[in-house]
Amino acid sequence: MTQAEIFQALVSGLALGAGYALLAVGVVVVYSATGILNFAQGAFVLIGAFTTYQVGVVWGLPFLVAALVSLLVGALLSMLTGMTLLRRFSKKAHFPAVMATVGLLFVVQALVAGLWGDEARDLGDPWGLRVVEVGGSVLALSDVWTAATGAVLLLAVFALIRFSPIGLAMRAAVSDEEAAVAQGISTRTVTVFAWSLGGALGAVAGILLAAGASGVNSTLGIAAFAALPAMVLGGIDSPLGALLGGLFLGVAQQFAILLQSSVLEPLGAGFPGVLPYLILVVMLVVRPQGFFGTRAVRRF
């Protein structure tokens, strides 16, 4: 294993991890505001990728325009889903709501396959299959741009949550809903914001995960389940933990692929794909609240 291979695996891992992190942060934002673990996030991954393909490749509009349209469509559909279908569930009925989001994911996946087919399609991103050489390492240009774009977007999301009025309102409502309402904060506005932000992040994650050689296909929605190990690793109520968990899992997967033909060969060719879920199981046993999550308090 050479230095060039290590650097290459690190960059591709950060690119993959950026997609995981955007997914995980989107799920954590919705979970913090509503108490619902939103597996329908995978549906917005599909919507983001396929809307970008439709607008940019089929209709011939610029890629940036297609990406912005996808982001808006994802935010709007997520908001409508949260405020119509999932609003009908009581805050205490978490399990039926979670199952509804899983069902919605598979419904959207079937619809996407029916409309566009199962074959992989080129997203039409400006980077395509081009490569760039850095210090003797040959890097996919899509990985470089994906990692950089993911970093900028995640910083923007954290700034929005930390400093904007709606972000402050959301944090207040999550911390103490009754006190927030007493101060005039609208929990409905907070919920709309959380669902919209979650859908937008899911759409962006779909674009990033489909960039380059990956392509757009109907199995992208399964990436939503990769957000679960990232959330558990960092802490299911911690956006920062979700970010770090997603980056860690992306890098871990790429290094597992790098070591597959040598050190990890006895574990089988599919080991890199199951590694995040192995980490999930270990984390649930050792530290269920994650590294940055809040420890549950039990009273007997």
C-alpha atoms as a PDB file:
ATOM      1  CA  MET A   1       0.000   0.000   0.000  1.00  0.00           C
ATOM      2  CA  THR A   2       1.710   3.166  -1.238  1.00  0.00           C
ATOM      3  CA  GLN A   3       1.388   6.751  -0.049  1.00  0.00           C
ATOM      4  CA  ALA A   4      -0.419   7.637  -3.276  1.00  0.00           C
ATOM      5  CA  GLU A   5      -2.994   4.873  -2.683  1.00  0.00           C
ATOM      6  CA  ILE A   6      -3.556   6.029   0.899  1.00  0.00           C
ATOM      7  CA  PHE A   7      -4.135   9.631  -0.201  1.00  0.00           C
ATOM      8  CA  GLN A   8      -6.434   8.485  -2.984  1.00  0.00           C
ATOM      9  CA  ALA A   9      -8.482   6.372  -0.560  1.00  0.00           C
ATOM     10  CA  LEU A  10      -8.658   9.296   1.882  1.00  0.00           C
ATOM     11  CA  VAL A  11     -10.013  11.739  -0.712  1.00  0.00           C
ATOM     12  CA  SER A  12     -12.560   9.258  -2.119  1.00  0.00           C
ATOM     13  CA  GLY A  13     -13.536   8.369   1.463  1.00  0.00           C
ATOM     14  CA  LEU A  14     -14.134  12.018   2.331  1.00  0.00           C
ATOM     15  CA  ALA A  15     -16.235  12.396  -0.824  1.00  0.00           C
ATOM     16  CA  LEU A  16     -18.362   9.365   0.092  1.00  0.00           C
ATOM     17  CA  GLY A  17     -18.480  10.497   3.710  1.00  0.00           C
ATOM     18  CA  ALA A  18     -19.726  13.950   2.668  1.00  0.00           C
ATOM     19  CA  GLY A  19     -22.768  12.299   1.082  1.00  0.00           C
ATOM     20  CA  TYR A  20     -23.337  10.161   4.177  1.00  0.00           C
ATOM     21  CA  ALA A  21     -22.911  13.211   6.431  1.00  0.00           C
ATOM     22  CA  LEU A  22     -25.469  15.289   4.509  1.00  0.00           C
ATOM     23  CA  LEU A  23     -27.899  12.388   4.727  1.00  0.00           C
ATOM     24  CA  ALA A  24     -27.294  11.850   8.429  1.00  0.00           C
ATOM     25  CA  VAL A  25     -27.514  15.550   9.333  1.00  0.00           C
ATOM     26  CA  GLY A  26     -30.815  15.792   7.444  1.00  0.00           C
ATOM     27  CA  VAL A  27     -32.238  12.851   9.374  1.00  0.00           C
ATOM     28  CA  VAL A  28     -30.959  14.215  12.706  1.00  0.00           C
ATOM     29  CA  VAL A  29     -32.533  17.635  12.056  1.00  0.00           C
ATOM     30  CA  VAL A  30     -35.941  16.052  11.436  1.00  0.00           C
ATOM     31  CA  TYR A  31     -35.549  13.656  14.382  1.00  0.00           C
ATOM     32  CA  SER A  32     -34.611  16.495  16.752  1.00  0.00           C
ATOM     33  CA  ALA A  33     -37.641  18.577  15.735  1.00  0.00           C
ATOM     34  CA  THR A  34     -40.270  15.834  15.436  1.00  0.00           C
ATOM     35  CA  GLY A  35     -39.011  12.672  17.133  1.00  0.00           C
ATOM     36  CA  ILE A  36     -39.433  10.762  13.850  1.00  0.00           C
ATOM     37  CA  LEU A  37     -36.560   8.684  12.466  1.00  0.00           C
ATOM     38  CA  ASN A  38     -37.021   9.552   8.802  1.00  0.00           C
ATOM     39  CA  PHE A  39     -36.002   6.705   6.471  1.00  0.00           C
ATOM     40  CA  ALA A  40     -37.897   8.497   3.697  1.00  0.00           C
ATOM     41  CA  GLN A  41     -34.694  10.538   3.390  1.00  0.00           C
ATOM     42  CA  GLY A  42     -33.661   7.937   0.811  1.00  0.00           C
ATOM     43  CA  ALA A  43     -36.635   8.986  -1.301  1.00  0.00           C
ATOM     44  CA  PHE A  44     -35.273  12.540  -1.448  1.00  0.00           C
ATOM     45  CA  VAL A  45     -31.876  11.158  -2.437  1.00  0.00           C
ATOM     46  CA  LEU A  46     -33.568   9.564  -5.432  1.00  0.00           C
ATOM     47  CA  ILE A  47     -35.601  12.685  -6.161  1.00  0.00           C
ATOM     48  CA  GLY A  48     -32.464  14.837  -6.051  1.00  0.00           C
ATOM     49  CA  ALA A  49     -30.469  12.612  -8.385  1.00  0.00           C
ATOM     50  CA  PHE A  50     -33.226  11.917 -10.905  1.00  0.00           C
ATOM     51  CA  THR A  51     -34.562  15.484 -10.972  1.00  0.00           C
ATOM     52  CA  THR A  52     -31.041  16.704 -11.721  1.00  0.00           C
ATOM     53  CA  TYR A  53     -30.761  14.123 -14.502  1.00  0.00           C
ATOM     54  CA  GLN A  54     -34.160  15.059 -15.949  1.00  0.00           C
ATOM     55  CA  VAL A  55     -33.611  18.817 -15.863  1.00  0.00           C
ATOM     56  CA  GLY A  56     -29.931  18.823 -16.787  1.00  0.00           C
ATOM     57  CA  VAL A  57     -29.576  15.923 -19.231  1.00  0.00           C
ATOM     58  CA  VAL A  58     -33.045  15.348 -20.704  1.00  0.00           C
ATOM     59  CA  TRP A  59     -34.182  18.987 -20.789  1.00  0.00           C
ATOM     60  CA  GLY A  60     -30.682  20.350 -21.453  1.00  0.00           C
ATOM     61  CA  LEU A  61     -30.542  23.080 -18.795  1.00  0.00           C
ATOM     62  CA  PRO A  62     -27.224  23.951 -17.085  1.00  0.00           C
ATOM     63  CA  PHE A  63     -26.103  21.577 -14.343  1.00  0.00           C
ATOM     64  CA  LEU A  64     -26.199  24.256 -11.625  1.00  0.00           C
ATOM     65  CA  VAL A  65     -29.789  25.131 -12.534  1.00  0.00           C
ATOM     66  CA  ALA A  66     -30.720  21.435 -12.452  1.00  0.00           C
ATOM     67  CA  ALA A  67     -29.110  21.047  -9.013  1.00  0.00           C
ATOM     68  CA  LEU A  68     -30.958  24.083  -7.622  1.00  0.00           C
ATOM     69  CA  VAL A  69     -34.272  22.803  -9.001  1.00  0.00           C
ATOM     70  CA  SER A  70     -33.592  19.426  -7.365  1.00  0.00           C
ATOM     71  CA  LEU A  71     -32.835  21.066  -4.037  1.00  0.00           C
ATOM     72  CA  LEU A  72     -36.083  23.049  -4.132  1.00  0.00           C
ATOM     73  CA  VAL A  73     -38.138  20.023  -5.213  1.00  0.00           C
ATOM     74  CA  GLY A  74     -36.630  17.907  -2.425  1.00  0.00           C
ATOM     75  CA  ALA A  75     -37.319  20.600   0.188  1.00  0.00           C
ATOM     76  CA  LEU A  76     -40.909  21.107  -0.996  1.00  0.00           C
ATOM     77  CA  LEU A  77     -41.803  17.404  -1.186  1.00  0.00           C
ATOM     78  CA  SER A  78     -40.215  16.704   2.194  1.00  0.00           C
ATOM     79  CA  MET A  79     -42.141  19.564   3.786  1.00  0.00           C
ATOM     80  CA  LEU A  80     -45.413  18.365   2.253  1.00  0.00           C
ATOM     81  CA  THR A  81     -44.710  14.797   3.419  1.00  0.00           C
ATOM     82  CA  GLY A  82     -44.000  15.886   6.971  1.00  0.00           C
ATOM     83  CA  MET A  83     -46.927  18.278   7.233  1.00  0.00           C
ATOM     84  CA  THR A  84     -49.541  15.967   5.661  1.00  0.00           C
ATOM     85  CA  LEU A  85     -48.816  12.230   5.892  1.00  0.00           C
ATOM     86  CA  LEU A  86     -46.570  12.126   8.967  1.00  0.00           C
ATOM     87  CA  ARG A  87     -48.357  14.890  10.843  1.00  0.00           C
ATOM     88  CA  ARG A  88     -51.218  12.464  11.409  1.00  0.00           C
ATOM     89  CA  PHE A  89     -49.105  10.410  13.781  1.00  0.00           C
ATOM     90  CA  SER A  90     -49.001  11.286  17.442  1.00  0.00           C
ATOM     91  CA  LYS A  91     -45.634  12.328  18.846  1.00  0.00           C
ATOM     92  CA  LYS A  92     -45.808   9.199  20.976  1.00  0.00           C
ATOM     93  CA  ALA A  93     -46.503   6.922  17.979  1.00  0.00           C
ATOM     94  CA  HIS A  94     -42.914   6.816  16.784  1.00  0.00           C
ATOM     95  CA  PHE A  95     -42.818   3.256  15.468  1.00  0.00           C
ATOM     96  CA  PRO A  96     -45.813   3.602  13.059  1.00  0.00           C
ATOM     97  CA  ALA A  97     -44.317   6.864  11.783  1.00  0.00           C
ATOM     98  CA  VAL A  98     -40.928   5.208  11.169  1.00  0.00           C
ATOM     99  CA  MET A  99     -42.592   2.342   9.296  1.00  0.00           C
ATOM    100  CA  ALA A 100     -44.514   4.875   7.211  1.00  0.00           C
ATOM    101  CA  THR A 101     -41.229   6.523   6.173  1.00  0.00           C
ATOM    102  CA  VAL A 102     -39.754   3.121   5.231  1.00  0.00           C
ATOM    103  CA  GLY A 103     -42.841   2.356   3.148  1.00  0.00           C
ATOM    104  CA  LEU A 104     -42.615   5.755   1.454  1.00  0.00           C
ATOM    105  CA  LEU A 105     -38.979   5.085   0.540  1.00  0.00           C
ATOM    106  CA  PHE A 106     -39.845   1.852  -1.276  1.00  0.00           C
ATOM    107  CA  VAL A 107     -42.878   3.411  -2.985  1.00  0.00           C
ATOM    108  CA  VAL A 108     -40.714   6.228  -4.391  1.00  0.00           C
ATOM    109  CA  GLN A 109     -38.023   3.726  -5.374  1.00  0.00           C
ATOM    110  CA  ALA A 110     -40.580   1.698  -7.360  1.00  0.00           C
ATOM    111  CA  LEU A 111     -41.981   4.844  -9.002  1.00  0.00           C
ATOM    112  CA  VAL A 112     -38.509   6.008 -10.000  1.00  0.00           C
ATOM    113  CA  ALA A 113     -37.666   2.605 -11.475  1.00  0.00           C
ATOM    114  CA  GLY A 114     -40.938   2.656 -13.411  1.00  0.00           C
ATOM    115  CA  LEU A 115     -40.399   6.157 -14.801  1.00  0.00           C
ATOM    116  CA  TRP A 116     -36.687   6.042 -15.602  1.00  0.00           C
ATOM    117  CA  GLY A 117     -35.806   2.344 -15.580  1.00  0.00           C
ATOM    118  CA  ASP A 118     -33.233   0.406 -13.550  1.00  0.00           C
ATOM    119  CA  GLU A 119     -30.147   1.068 -15.675  1.00  0.00           C
ATOM    120  CA  ALA A 120     -27.516   3.535 -14.458  1.00  0.00           C
ATOM    121  CA  ARG A 121     -27.526   6.929 -16.164  1.00  0.00           C
ATOM    122  CA  ASP A 122     -24.969   9.710 -16.411  1.00  0.00           C
ATOM    123  CA  LEU A 123     -25.857  12.569 -14.059  1.00  0.00           C
ATOM    124  CA  GLY A 124     -24.443  15.134 -16.470  1.00  0.00           C
ATOM    125  CA  ASP A 125     -22.210  16.714 -13.825  1.00  0.00           C
ATOM    126  CA  PRO A 126     -19.369  18.898 -15.164  1.00  0.00           C
ATOM    127  CA  TRP A 127     -16.675  16.643 -13.665  1.00  0.00           C
ATOM    128  CA  GLY A 128     -17.695  13.356 -15.270  1.00  0.00           C
ATOM    129  CA  LEU A 129     -14.896  10.778 -15.414  1.00  0.00           C
ATOM    130  CA  ARG A 130     -12.029  13.279 -15.507  1.00  0.00           C
ATOM    131  CA  VAL A 131      -9.077  12.793 -13.177  1.00  0.00           C
ATOM    132  CA  VAL A 132      -6.428  15.062 -11.688  1.00  0.00           C
ATOM    133  CA  GLU A 133      -2.940  14.166 -10.466  1.00  0.00           C
ATOM    134  CA  VAL A 134      -1.908  15.473  -7.034  1.00  0.00           C
ATOM    135  CA  GLY A 135       1.464  14.490  -5.590  1.00  0.00           C
ATOM    136  CA  GLY A 136       1.591  11.279  -7.587  1.00  0.00           C
ATOM    137  CA  SER A 137      -1.990  10.297  -6.692  1.00  0.00           C
ATOM    138  CA  VAL A 138      -4.576  10.077  -9.448  1.00  0.00           C
ATOM    139  CA  LEU A 139      -7.842  11.448  -8.061  1.00  0.00           C
ATOM    140  CA  ALA A 140     -11.269  11.439  -9.632  1.00  0.00           C
ATOM    141  CA  LEU A 141     -12.216  15.083 -10.142  1.00  0.00           C
ATOM    142  CA  SER A 142     -15.751  14.235  -9.024  1.00  0.00           C
ATOM    143  CA  ASP A 143     -14.362  13.097  -5.632  1.00  0.00           C
ATOM    144  CA  VAL A 144     -12.469  16.351  -5.167  1.00  0.00           C
ATOM    145  CA  TRP A 145     -15.504  18.472  -6.023  1.00  0.00           C
ATOM    146  CA  THR A 146     -17.853  16.291  -3.989  1.00  0.00           C
ATOM    147  CA  ALA A 147     -15.679  16.538  -0.866  1.00  0.00           C
ATOM    148  CA  ALA A 148     -15.266  20.312  -1.295  1.00  0.00           C
ATOM    149  CA  THR A 149     -18.964  20.923  -2.043  1.00  0.00           C
ATOM    150  CA  GLY A 150     -20.035  18.751   0.878  1.00  0.00           C
ATOM    151  CA  ALA A 151     -17.719  20.659   3.231  1.00  0.00           C
ATOM    152  CA  VAL A 152     -19.083  24.046   2.134  1.00  0.00           C
ATOM    153  CA  LEU A 153     -22.708  22.932   2.391  1.00  0.00           C
ATOM    154  CA  LEU A 154     -22.236  21.353   5.817  1.00  0.00           C
ATOM    155  CA  LEU A 155     -20.581  24.525   7.120  1.00  0.00           C
ATOM    156  CA  ALA A 156     -23.487  26.550   5.704  1.00  0.00           C
ATOM    157  CA  VAL A 157     -26.027  24.260   7.410  1.00  0.00           C
ATOM    158  CA  PHE A 158     -24.276  24.544  10.768  1.00  0.00           C
ATOM    159  CA  ALA A 159     -24.079  28.340  10.402  1.00  0.00           C
ATOM    160  CA  LEU A 160     -27.801  28.408   9.558  1.00  0.00           C
ATOM    161  CA  ILE A 161     -28.719  26.331  12.612  1.00  0.00           C
ATOM    162  CA  ARG A 162     -26.336  28.226  14.884  1.00  0.00           C
ATOM    163  CA  PHE A 163     -26.848  31.871  13.924  1.00  0.00           C
ATOM    164  CA  SER A 164     -30.070  32.371  11.924  1.00  0.00           C
ATOM    165  CA  PRO A 165     -33.340  33.264  13.720  1.00  0.00           C
ATOM    166  CA  ILE A 166     -35.073  30.103  12.474  1.00  0.00           C
ATOM    167  CA  GLY A 167     -32.094  28.006  13.534  1.00  0.00           C
ATOM    168  CA  LEU A 168     -32.153  29.543  16.997  1.00  0.00           C
ATOM    169  CA  ALA A 169     -35.917  28.922  17.183  1.00  0.00           C
ATOM    170  CA  MET A 170     -35.424  25.277  16.255  1.00  0.00           C
ATOM    171  CA  ARG A 171     -32.723  24.784  18.879  1.00  0.00           C
ATOM    172  CA  ALA A 172     -34.935  26.424  21.499  1.00  0.00           C
ATOM    173  CA  ALA A 173     -37.937  24.257  20.587  1.00  0.00           C
ATOM    174  CA  VAL A 174     -35.817  21.095  20.705  1.00  0.00           C
ATOM    175  CA  SER A 175     -34.332  22.067  24.074  1.00  0.00           C
ATOM    176  CA  ASP A 176     -37.635  22.942  25.789  1.00  0.00           C
ATOM    177  CA  GLU A 177     -40.771  23.031  23.662  1.00  0.00           C
ATOM    178  CA  GLU A 178     -43.055  24.486  26.345  1.00  0.00           C
ATOM    179  CA  ALA A 179     -40.652  27.311  27.165  1.00  0.00           C
ATOM    180  CA  ALA A 180     -40.181  28.033  23.450  1.00  0.00           C
ATOM    181  CA  VAL A 181     -43.944  28.285  22.913  1.00  0.00           C
ATOM    182  CA  ALA A 182     -44.202  30.581  25.943  1.00  0.00           C
ATOM    183  CA  GLN A 183     -41.623  32.857  24.278  1.00  0.00           C
ATOM    184  CA  GLY A 184     -43.749  33.052  21.125  1.00  0.00           C
ATOM    185  CA  ILE A 185     -41.842  30.532  19.002  1.00  0.00           C
ATOM    186  CA  SER A 186     -44.079  28.691  16.529  1.00  0.00           C
ATOM    187  CA  THR A 187     -43.448  24.944  16.698  1.00  0.00           C
ATOM    188  CA  ARG A 188     -45.213  24.579  13.343  1.00  0.00           C
ATOM    189  CA  THR A 189     -42.671  26.909  11.731  1.00  0.00           C
ATOM    190  CA  VAL A 190     -39.845  24.920  13.314  1.00  0.00           C
ATOM    191  CA  THR A 191     -41.309  21.658  12.007  1.00  0.00           C
ATOM    192  CA  VAL A 192     -41.744  23.058   8.480  1.00  0.00           C
ATOM    193  CA  PHE A 193     -38.141  24.293   8.543  1.00  0.00           C
ATOM    194  CA  ALA A 194     -36.817  20.938   9.770  1.00  0.00           C
ATOM    195  CA  TRP A 195     -38.630  18.913   7.099  1.00  0.00           C
ATOM    196  CA  SER A 196     -37.651  21.351   4.340  1.00  0.00           C
ATOM    197  CA  LEU A 197     -34.004  21.368   5.372  1.00  0.00           C
ATOM    198  CA  GLY A 198     -33.963  17.571   5.654  1.00  0.00           C
ATOM    199  CA  GLY A 199     -35.402  17.157   2.151  1.00  0.00           C
ATOM    200  CA  ALA A 200     -32.963  19.673   0.658  1.00  0.00           C
ATOM    201  CA  LEU A 201     -30.000  17.896   2.265  1.00  0.00           C
ATOM    202  CA  GLY A 202     -31.276  14.545   1.001  1.00  0.00           C
ATOM    203  CA  ALA A 203     -31.535  15.919  -2.551  1.00  0.00           C
ATOM    204  CA  VAL A 204     -28.000  17.348  -2.404  1.00  0.00           C
ATOM    205  CA  ALA A 205     -26.709  14.036  -1.032  1.00  0.00           C
ATOM    206  CA  GLY A 206     -28.327  12.278  -4.003  1.00  0.00           C
ATOM    207  CA  ILE A 207     -26.517  14.590  -6.429  1.00  0.00           C
ATOM    208  CA  LEU A 208     -23.161  14.050  -4.724  1.00  0.00           C
ATOM    209  CA  LEU A 209     -23.564  10.264  -4.466  1.00  0.00           C
ATOM    210  CA  ALA A 210     -24.514  10.009  -8.170  1.00  0.00           C
ATOM    211  CA  ALA A 211     -21.677  12.209  -9.445  1.00  0.00           C
ATOM    212  CA  GLY A 212     -18.795  10.857 -11.508  1.00  0.00           C
ATOM    213  CA  ALA A 213     -18.639   7.154 -12.272  1.00  0.00           C
ATOM    214  CA  SER A 214     -21.409   6.214  -9.801  1.00  0.00           C
ATOM    215  CA  GLY A 215     -24.259   7.349 -12.028  1.00  0.00           C
ATOM    216  CA  VAL A 216     -27.959   7.764 -11.322  1.00  0.00           C
ATOM    217  CA  ASN A 217     -29.852   4.556 -10.549  1.00  0.00           C
ATOM    218  CA  SER A 218     -32.872   3.465  -8.540  1.00  0.00           C
ATOM    219  CA  THR A 219     -30.767   1.798  -5.813  1.00  0.00           C
ATOM    220  CA  LEU A 220     -29.454   5.152  -4.547  1.00  0.00           C
ATOM    221  CA  GLY A 221     -32.314   5.312  -2.049  1.00  0.00           C
ATOM    222  CA  ILE A 222     -30.774   2.492  -0.026  1.00  0.00           C
ATOM    223  CA  ALA A 223     -28.058   5.003   0.911  1.00  0.00           C
ATOM    224  CA  ALA A 224     -30.532   6.306   3.494  1.00  0.00           C
ATOM    225  CA  PHE A 225     -29.846   3.219   5.582  1.00  0.00           C
ATOM    226  CA  ALA A 226     -26.140   4.146   5.591  1.00  0.00           C
ATOM    227  CA  ALA A 227     -27.139   7.302   7.454  1.00  0.00           C
ATOM    228  CA  LEU A 228     -28.259   5.192  10.425  1.00  0.00           C
ATOM    229  CA  PRO A 229     -24.764   3.941  11.368  1.00  0.00           C
ATOM    230  CA  ALA A 230     -23.449   7.496  10.983  1.00  0.00           C
ATOM    231  CA  MET A 231     -26.121   8.837  13.332  1.00  0.00           C
ATOM    232  CA  VAL A 232     -25.639   6.115  15.922  1.00  0.00           C
ATOM    233  CA  LEU A 233     -21.873   6.553  15.788  1.00  0.00           C
ATOM    234  CA  GLY A 234     -22.060  10.303  16.393  1.00  0.00           C
ATOM    235  CA  GLY A 235     -25.237  10.447  18.460  1.00  0.00           C
ATOM    236  CA  ILE A 236     -28.758  10.396  17.100  1.00  0.00           C
ATOM    237  CA  ASP A 237     -29.588  13.875  18.458  1.00  0.00           C
ATOM    238  CA  SER A 238     -26.285  15.521  17.496  1.00  0.00           C
ATOM    239  CA  PRO A 239     -25.855  17.146  14.037  1.00  0.00           C
ATOM    240  CA  LEU A 240     -22.112  17.482  14.677  1.00  0.00           C
ATOM    241  CA  GLY A 241     -21.941  13.802  15.599  1.00  0.00           C
ATOM    242  CA  ALA A 242     -23.821  12.890  12.407  1.00  0.00           C
ATOM    243  CA  LEU A 243     -21.328  14.908  10.372  1.00  0.00           C
ATOM    244  CA  LEU A 244     -18.282  13.262  11.947  1.00  0.00           C
ATOM    245  CA  GLY A 245     -19.904   9.823  11.852  1.00  0.00           C
ATOM    246  CA  GLY A 246     -20.647  10.143   8.132  1.00  0.00           C
ATOM    247  CA  LEU A 247     -17.105  11.228   7.306  1.00  0.00           C
ATOM    248  CA  PHE A 248     -15.621   8.436   9.415  1.00  0.00           C
ATOM    249  CA  LEU A 249     -17.767   5.764   7.756  1.00  0.00           C
ATOM    250  CA  GLY A 250     -16.941   7.017   4.253  1.00  0.00           C
ATOM    251  CA  VAL A 251     -13.204   6.923   4.930  1.00  0.00           C
ATOM    252  CA  ALA A 252     -13.459   3.533   6.680  1.00  0.00           C
ATOM    253  CA  GLN A 253     -15.296   2.029   3.693  1.00  0.00           C
ATOM    254  CA  GLN A 254     -12.765   3.293   1.174  1.00  0.00           C
ATOM    255  CA  PHE A 255      -9.819   1.981   3.197  1.00  0.00           C
ATOM    256  CA  ALA A 256     -11.621  -1.359   3.528  1.00  0.00           C
ATOM    257  CA  ILE A 257     -11.885  -1.452  -0.280  1.00  0.00           C
ATOM    258  CA  LEU A 258      -8.174  -0.599  -0.531  1.00  0.00           C
ATOM    259  CA  LEU A 259      -7.255  -3.446   1.838  1.00  0.00           C
ATOM    260  CA  GLN A 260      -9.770  -5.903   0.366  1.00  0.00           C
ATOM    261  CA  SER A 261      -7.349  -7.719  -1.920  1.00  0.00           C
ATOM    262  CA  SER A 262      -4.706  -8.182   0.788  1.00  0.00           C
ATOM    263  CA  VAL A 263      -5.478  -7.940   4.500  1.00  0.00           C
ATOM    264  CA  LEU A 264      -9.274  -8.293   4.331  1.00  0.00           C
ATOM    265  CA  GLU A 265      -9.515 -10.919   1.591  1.00  0.00           C
ATOM    266  CA  PRO A 266     -10.625 -13.723   3.991  1.00  0.00           C
ATOM    267  CA  LEU A 267     -13.674 -11.625   4.994  1.00  0.00           C
ATOM    268  CA  GLY A 268     -15.095 -11.715   1.470  1.00  0.00           C
ATOM    269  CA  ALA A 269     -15.593  -9.199  -1.325  1.00  0.00           C
ATOM    270  CA  GLY A 270     -18.726  -7.747   0.272  1.00  0.00           C
ATOM    271  CA  PHE A 271     -17.067  -6.780   3.561  1.00  0.00           C
ATOM    272  CA  PRO A 272     -16.654  -3.029   2.753  1.00  0.00           C
ATOM    273  CA  GLY A 273     -20.394  -2.823   2.114  1.00  0.00           C
ATOM    274  CA  VAL A 274     -21.324  -4.312   5.495  1.00  0.00           C
ATOM    275  CA  LEU A 275     -18.631  -2.489   7.478  1.00  0.00           C
ATOM    276  CA  PRO A 276     -20.887   0.473   8.442  1.00  0.00           C
ATOM    277  CA  TYR A 277     -23.476  -1.925   9.873  1.00  0.00           C
ATOM    278  CA  LEU A 278     -20.809  -3.862  11.756  1.00  0.00           C
ATOM    279  CA  ILE A 279     -19.701  -0.557  13.292  1.00  0.00           C
ATOM    280  CA  LEU A 280     -23.381   0.159  14.056  1.00  0.00           C
ATOM    281  CA  VAL A 281     -23.783  -3.103  16.008  1.00  0.00           C
ATOM    282  CA  VAL A 282     -20.551  -2.583  17.961  1.00  0.00           C
ATOM    283  CA  MET A 283     -21.523   0.996  18.809  1.00  0.00           C
ATOM    284  CA  LEU A 284     -24.988  -0.022  20.012  1.00  0.00           C
ATOM    285  CA  VAL A 285     -23.386  -2.552  22.360  1.00  0.00           C
ATOM    286  CA  VAL A 286     -20.548  -0.344  23.644  1.00  0.00           C
ATOM    287  CA  ARG A 287     -22.052   3.170  23.668  1.00  0.00           C
ATOM    288  CA  PRO A 288     -25.700   3.308  22.499  1.00  0.00           C
ATOM    289  CA  GLN A 289     -25.949   7.106  22.781  1.00  0.00           C
ATOM    290  CA  GLY A 290     -22.991   7.589  20.424  1.00  0.00           C
ATOM    291  CA  PHE A 291     -19.934   9.752  21.003  1.00  0.00           C
ATOM    292  CA  PHE A 292     -21.803  13.085  21.021  1.00  0.00           C
ATOM    293  CA  GLY A 293     -25.364  12.024  21.842  1.00  0.00           C
ATOM    294  CA  THR A 294     -27.302  12.607  25.045  1.00  0.00           C
ATOM    295  CA  ARG A 295     -27.340   9.708  27.470  1.00  0.00           C
ATOM    296  CA  ALA A 296     -30.880   8.555  28.223  1.00  0.00           C
ATOM    297  CA  VAL A 297     -31.916   8.942  31.853  1.00  0.00           C
ATOM    298  CA  ARG A 298     -34.008   6.177  33.387  1.00  0.00           C
ATOM    299  CA  ARG A 299     -36.038   6.574  36.555  1.00  0.00           C
ATOM    300  CA  PHE A 300     -37.268   3.515  38.360  1.00  0.00           C
END
